[in-house]
C-alpha cells in the first residue's frame, strides 16, 4: 500500500506507517506520530530509512525518547536485542 500520508495533519496506526515506511520522512514521523519501540528500532533508528545525511547525526535514542515520551530507554534496548539478537545495526542506540 503506497499511500500519501499527511503526518503533520493526521495520526496513523503502526500498520499503516509500516506499510508506507519507504515513503515516510522519519524525522517528521517521530515528531508527529505515536510510535512503538519496535517501530523506532526497525525504522526510525535505522540509517536505511533516514531521508538525508543530517538525520544520521540528529536522530538517535535521545532524540526518539524526547519526541516519544511514552517510551523508555529500556524498551528501546529490549526491542533492539529482540530484533538484532544484540548484533548488527546499532545507529543511535
N, C-alpha and C. Protein backbone atom coordinates (compact mmCIF):
# COMPACT_ATOMS: atom_id res chain seq x y z
N UNK A 1 0.84 -1.16 0.00
CA UNK A 1 0.00 0.00 0.00
C UNK A 1 0.90 1.24 0.00
N UNK A 2 0.96 1.94 -1.06
CA UNK A 2 1.72 3.19 -1.15
C UNK A 2 0.74 4.35 -1.15
N UNK A 3 0.46 4.84 0.01
CA UNK A 3 -0.49 5.91 0.20
C UNK A 3 0.25 7.17 0.58
N UNK A 4 -0.23 8.30 0.15
CA UNK A 4 0.35 9.56 0.61
C UNK A 4 -0.14 9.78 2.04
N UNK A 5 0.80 9.91 2.96
CA UNK A 5 0.45 10.13 4.35
C UNK A 5 0.68 11.59 4.71
N UNK A 6 -0.24 12.14 5.45
CA UNK A 6 -0.15 13.52 5.91
C UNK A 6 0.21 13.50 7.39
N UNK A 7 1.48 13.23 7.66
CA UNK A 7 1.95 13.01 9.02
C UNK A 7 1.71 14.20 9.94
N UNK A 8 1.80 15.39 9.40
CA UNK A 8 1.62 16.58 10.24
C UNK A 8 0.15 16.85 10.56
N UNK A 9 -0.75 16.33 9.76
CA UNK A 9 -2.18 16.59 9.94
C UNK A 9 -2.95 15.45 10.59
N UNK A 10 -2.46 14.22 10.45
CA UNK A 10 -3.20 13.05 10.92
C UNK A 10 -2.31 12.11 11.70
N UNK A 11 -2.93 11.33 12.58
CA UNK A 11 -2.24 10.25 13.28
C UNK A 11 -2.58 8.95 12.54
N UNK A 12 -1.58 8.10 12.39
CA UNK A 12 -1.76 6.82 11.71
C UNK A 12 -1.39 5.68 12.65
N UNK A 13 -1.99 4.52 12.41
CA UNK A 13 -1.62 3.36 13.21
C UNK A 13 -0.30 2.80 12.69
N UNK A 14 0.31 1.96 13.50
CA UNK A 14 1.62 1.40 13.16
C UNK A 14 1.56 0.57 11.89
N UNK A 15 0.49 -0.15 11.66
CA UNK A 15 0.36 -0.96 10.43
C UNK A 15 0.41 -0.08 9.19
N UNK A 16 -0.26 1.06 9.22
CA UNK A 16 -0.25 1.98 8.08
C UNK A 16 1.13 2.59 7.90
N UNK A 17 1.75 2.99 8.99
CA UNK A 17 3.11 3.55 8.89
C UNK A 17 4.09 2.52 8.34
N UNK A 18 3.98 1.30 8.82
CA UNK A 18 4.88 0.23 8.36
C UNK A 18 4.67 -0.07 6.88
N UNK A 19 3.44 -0.10 6.44
CA UNK A 19 3.14 -0.38 5.03
C UNK A 19 3.68 0.71 4.11
N UNK A 20 3.89 1.90 4.64
CA UNK A 20 4.35 3.04 3.83
C UNK A 20 5.73 3.52 4.24
N UNK A 21 6.46 2.69 4.93
CA UNK A 21 7.73 3.11 5.54
C UNK A 21 8.74 3.64 4.51
N UNK A 22 8.71 3.15 3.30
CA UNK A 22 9.65 3.61 2.28
C UNK A 22 9.34 5.01 1.77
N UNK A 23 8.19 5.54 2.15
CA UNK A 23 7.76 6.85 1.66
C UNK A 23 7.57 7.85 2.79
N UNK A 24 8.11 7.54 3.96
CA UNK A 24 7.93 8.39 5.14
C UNK A 24 9.24 9.08 5.49
N UNK A 25 9.14 10.36 5.82
CA UNK A 25 10.28 11.08 6.39
C UNK A 25 10.31 10.73 7.88
N UNK A 26 11.34 10.01 8.31
CA UNK A 26 11.39 9.51 9.68
C UNK A 26 11.46 10.62 10.72
N UNK A 27 12.11 11.70 10.40
CA UNK A 27 12.18 12.82 11.35
C UNK A 27 10.78 13.39 11.59
N UNK A 28 10.02 13.57 10.54
CA UNK A 28 8.64 14.05 10.68
C UNK A 28 7.81 13.01 11.41
N UNK A 29 8.01 11.76 11.09
CA UNK A 29 7.25 10.68 11.71
C UNK A 29 7.46 10.65 13.22
N UNK A 30 8.70 10.69 13.67
CA UNK A 30 8.98 10.63 15.11
C UNK A 30 8.48 11.88 15.83
N UNK A 31 8.38 12.98 15.12
CA UNK A 31 7.90 14.23 15.73
C UNK A 31 6.38 14.35 15.75
N UNK A 32 5.67 13.59 14.94
CA UNK A 32 4.23 13.79 14.82
C UNK A 32 3.36 12.58 15.16
N UNK A 33 3.94 11.40 15.17
CA UNK A 33 3.16 10.18 15.38
C UNK A 33 3.49 9.55 16.73
N UNK A 34 2.60 8.71 17.22
CA UNK A 34 2.86 7.95 18.44
C UNK A 34 3.37 6.58 17.98
N UNK A 35 4.62 6.30 18.32
CA UNK A 35 5.29 5.12 17.78
C UNK A 35 5.58 4.09 18.86
N UNK A 36 5.79 2.86 18.43
CA UNK A 36 6.20 1.79 19.34
C UNK A 36 7.71 1.71 19.36
N UNK A 37 8.24 1.06 20.39
CA UNK A 37 9.68 0.84 20.47
C UNK A 37 10.16 0.02 19.28
N UNK A 38 9.37 -0.98 18.89
CA UNK A 38 9.74 -1.82 17.75
C UNK A 38 9.86 -0.99 16.47
N UNK A 39 8.89 -0.14 16.20
CA UNK A 39 8.93 0.70 15.00
C UNK A 39 10.15 1.62 15.05
N UNK A 40 10.42 2.18 16.21
CA UNK A 40 11.57 3.09 16.33
C UNK A 40 12.88 2.38 16.04
N UNK A 41 13.04 1.17 16.55
CA UNK A 41 14.28 0.42 16.31
C UNK A 41 14.38 -0.02 14.86
N UNK A 42 13.30 -0.57 14.32
CA UNK A 42 13.33 -1.09 12.94
C UNK A 42 13.49 0.00 11.89
N UNK A 43 12.88 1.16 12.12
CA UNK A 43 12.83 2.17 11.07
C UNK A 43 13.42 3.53 11.45
N UNK A 44 12.99 4.11 12.54
CA UNK A 44 13.43 5.46 12.89
C UNK A 44 14.93 5.50 13.16
N UNK A 45 15.46 4.52 13.87
CA UNK A 45 16.88 4.50 14.21
C UNK A 45 17.73 3.74 13.19
N UNK A 46 17.14 3.37 12.10
CA UNK A 46 17.82 2.61 11.06
C UNK A 46 18.22 3.56 9.93
N UNK A 47 19.51 3.69 9.68
CA UNK A 47 20.01 4.62 8.66
C UNK A 47 19.40 4.37 7.28
N UNK A 48 19.02 3.15 6.99
CA UNK A 48 18.45 2.83 5.68
C UNK A 48 17.15 3.60 5.41
N UNK A 49 16.48 4.03 6.47
CA UNK A 49 15.20 4.72 6.31
C UNK A 49 15.30 6.22 6.57
N UNK A 50 16.49 6.72 6.82
CA UNK A 50 16.67 8.15 7.06
C UNK A 50 16.70 8.89 5.73
N UNK A 51 16.14 10.08 5.72
CA UNK A 51 15.96 10.84 4.49
C UNK A 51 17.22 11.51 3.98
N UNK A 52 18.11 11.89 4.90
CA UNK A 52 19.32 12.60 4.48
C UNK A 52 20.44 12.37 5.48
N UNK A 53 21.63 12.79 5.14
CA UNK A 53 22.80 12.60 6.00
C UNK A 53 22.62 13.31 7.34
N UNK A 54 21.94 14.45 7.34
CA UNK A 54 21.70 15.18 8.59
C UNK A 54 20.95 14.32 9.61
N UNK A 55 20.01 13.52 9.12
CA UNK A 55 19.25 12.66 10.02
C UNK A 55 20.14 11.67 10.76
N UNK A 56 21.21 11.21 10.12
CA UNK A 56 22.09 10.25 10.77
C UNK A 56 22.80 10.87 11.96
N UNK A 57 22.92 12.20 11.98
CA UNK A 57 23.56 12.88 13.10
C UNK A 57 22.58 13.26 14.19
N UNK A 58 21.35 13.57 13.84
CA UNK A 58 20.42 14.08 14.86
C UNK A 58 19.44 13.04 15.39
N UNK A 59 19.12 12.00 14.62
CA UNK A 59 18.16 11.01 15.10
C UNK A 59 18.92 9.89 15.81
N UNK A 60 18.84 9.92 17.13
CA UNK A 60 19.44 8.88 17.95
C UNK A 60 18.45 8.53 19.06
N UNK A 61 18.85 7.67 19.97
CA UNK A 61 17.91 7.24 21.01
C UNK A 61 17.43 8.41 21.86
N UNK A 62 18.30 9.36 22.15
CA UNK A 62 17.90 10.53 22.93
C UNK A 62 16.84 11.35 22.21
N UNK A 63 17.03 11.54 20.91
CA UNK A 63 16.06 12.28 20.10
C UNK A 63 14.71 11.58 20.12
N UNK A 64 14.73 10.26 19.94
CA UNK A 64 13.49 9.48 19.94
C UNK A 64 12.80 9.58 21.30
N UNK A 65 13.55 9.44 22.38
CA UNK A 65 12.95 9.48 23.72
C UNK A 65 12.36 10.85 24.05
N UNK A 66 12.97 11.92 23.55
CA UNK A 66 12.41 13.26 23.77
C UNK A 66 11.11 13.44 23.00
N UNK A 67 11.00 12.85 21.81
CA UNK A 67 9.80 13.01 20.98
C UNK A 67 8.74 11.95 21.26
N UNK A 68 9.13 10.87 21.89
CA UNK A 68 8.22 9.76 22.21
C UNK A 68 8.30 9.50 23.72
N UNK A 69 7.78 10.42 24.53
CA UNK A 69 7.97 10.32 25.99
C UNK A 69 7.31 9.10 26.64
N UNK A 70 6.44 8.41 25.93
CA UNK A 70 5.83 7.20 26.47
C UNK A 70 6.78 6.01 26.41
N UNK A 71 7.88 6.14 25.66
CA UNK A 71 8.86 5.06 25.55
C UNK A 71 9.98 5.26 26.56
N UNK A 72 10.64 4.16 26.92
CA UNK A 72 11.80 4.23 27.81
C UNK A 72 13.03 3.70 27.08
N UNK A 73 14.18 4.07 27.60
CA UNK A 73 15.44 3.57 27.06
C UNK A 73 15.46 2.04 27.13
N UNK A 74 14.94 1.49 28.21
CA UNK A 74 14.92 0.04 28.39
C UNK A 74 14.06 -0.65 27.31
N UNK A 75 12.93 -0.05 26.97
CA UNK A 75 12.07 -0.63 25.92
C UNK A 75 12.79 -0.62 24.57
N UNK A 76 13.48 0.48 24.28
CA UNK A 76 14.24 0.57 23.02
C UNK A 76 15.31 -0.52 22.99
N UNK A 77 16.07 -0.65 24.07
CA UNK A 77 17.12 -1.67 24.12
C UNK A 77 16.55 -3.07 24.02
N UNK A 78 15.44 -3.31 24.68
CA UNK A 78 14.81 -4.63 24.63
C UNK A 78 14.41 -4.99 23.20
N UNK A 79 13.81 -4.04 22.49
CA UNK A 79 13.44 -4.28 21.08
C UNK A 79 14.67 -4.49 20.22
N UNK A 80 15.69 -3.69 20.45
CA UNK A 80 16.94 -3.84 19.69
C UNK A 80 17.49 -5.25 19.86
N UNK A 81 17.51 -5.73 21.10
CA UNK A 81 18.05 -7.07 21.36
C UNK A 81 17.19 -8.15 20.72
N UNK A 82 15.87 -8.00 20.74
CA UNK A 82 14.98 -8.99 20.11
C UNK A 82 15.16 -9.01 18.60
N UNK A 83 15.23 -7.84 18.01
CA UNK A 83 15.31 -7.73 16.55
C UNK A 83 16.67 -8.15 16.03
N UNK A 84 17.71 -7.76 16.72
CA UNK A 84 19.07 -7.97 16.22
C UNK A 84 19.86 -9.03 16.97
N UNK A 85 19.24 -9.73 17.90
CA UNK A 85 19.98 -10.67 18.75
C UNK A 85 21.21 -10.01 19.35
N UNK A 86 21.10 -8.72 19.61
CA UNK A 86 22.21 -8.00 20.21
C UNK A 86 23.35 -7.70 19.25
N UNK A 87 23.16 -7.99 17.98
CA UNK A 87 24.22 -7.74 17.00
C UNK A 87 23.67 -6.92 15.85
N UNK A 88 24.56 -6.46 15.01
CA UNK A 88 24.13 -5.78 13.80
C UNK A 88 23.87 -4.31 14.00
N UNK A 89 22.82 -3.82 13.41
CA UNK A 89 22.52 -2.40 13.36
C UNK A 89 22.39 -1.79 14.74
N UNK A 90 23.08 -0.69 14.97
CA UNK A 90 23.02 -0.05 16.29
C UNK A 90 23.08 1.46 16.21
N UNK A 91 22.83 2.07 15.07
CA UNK A 91 22.91 3.52 14.97
C UNK A 91 22.00 4.18 15.99
N UNK A 92 22.55 5.13 16.68
CA UNK A 92 21.76 5.95 17.57
C UNK A 92 21.34 5.30 18.87
N UNK A 93 21.82 4.08 19.11
CA UNK A 93 21.43 3.42 20.36
C UNK A 93 22.62 3.37 21.29
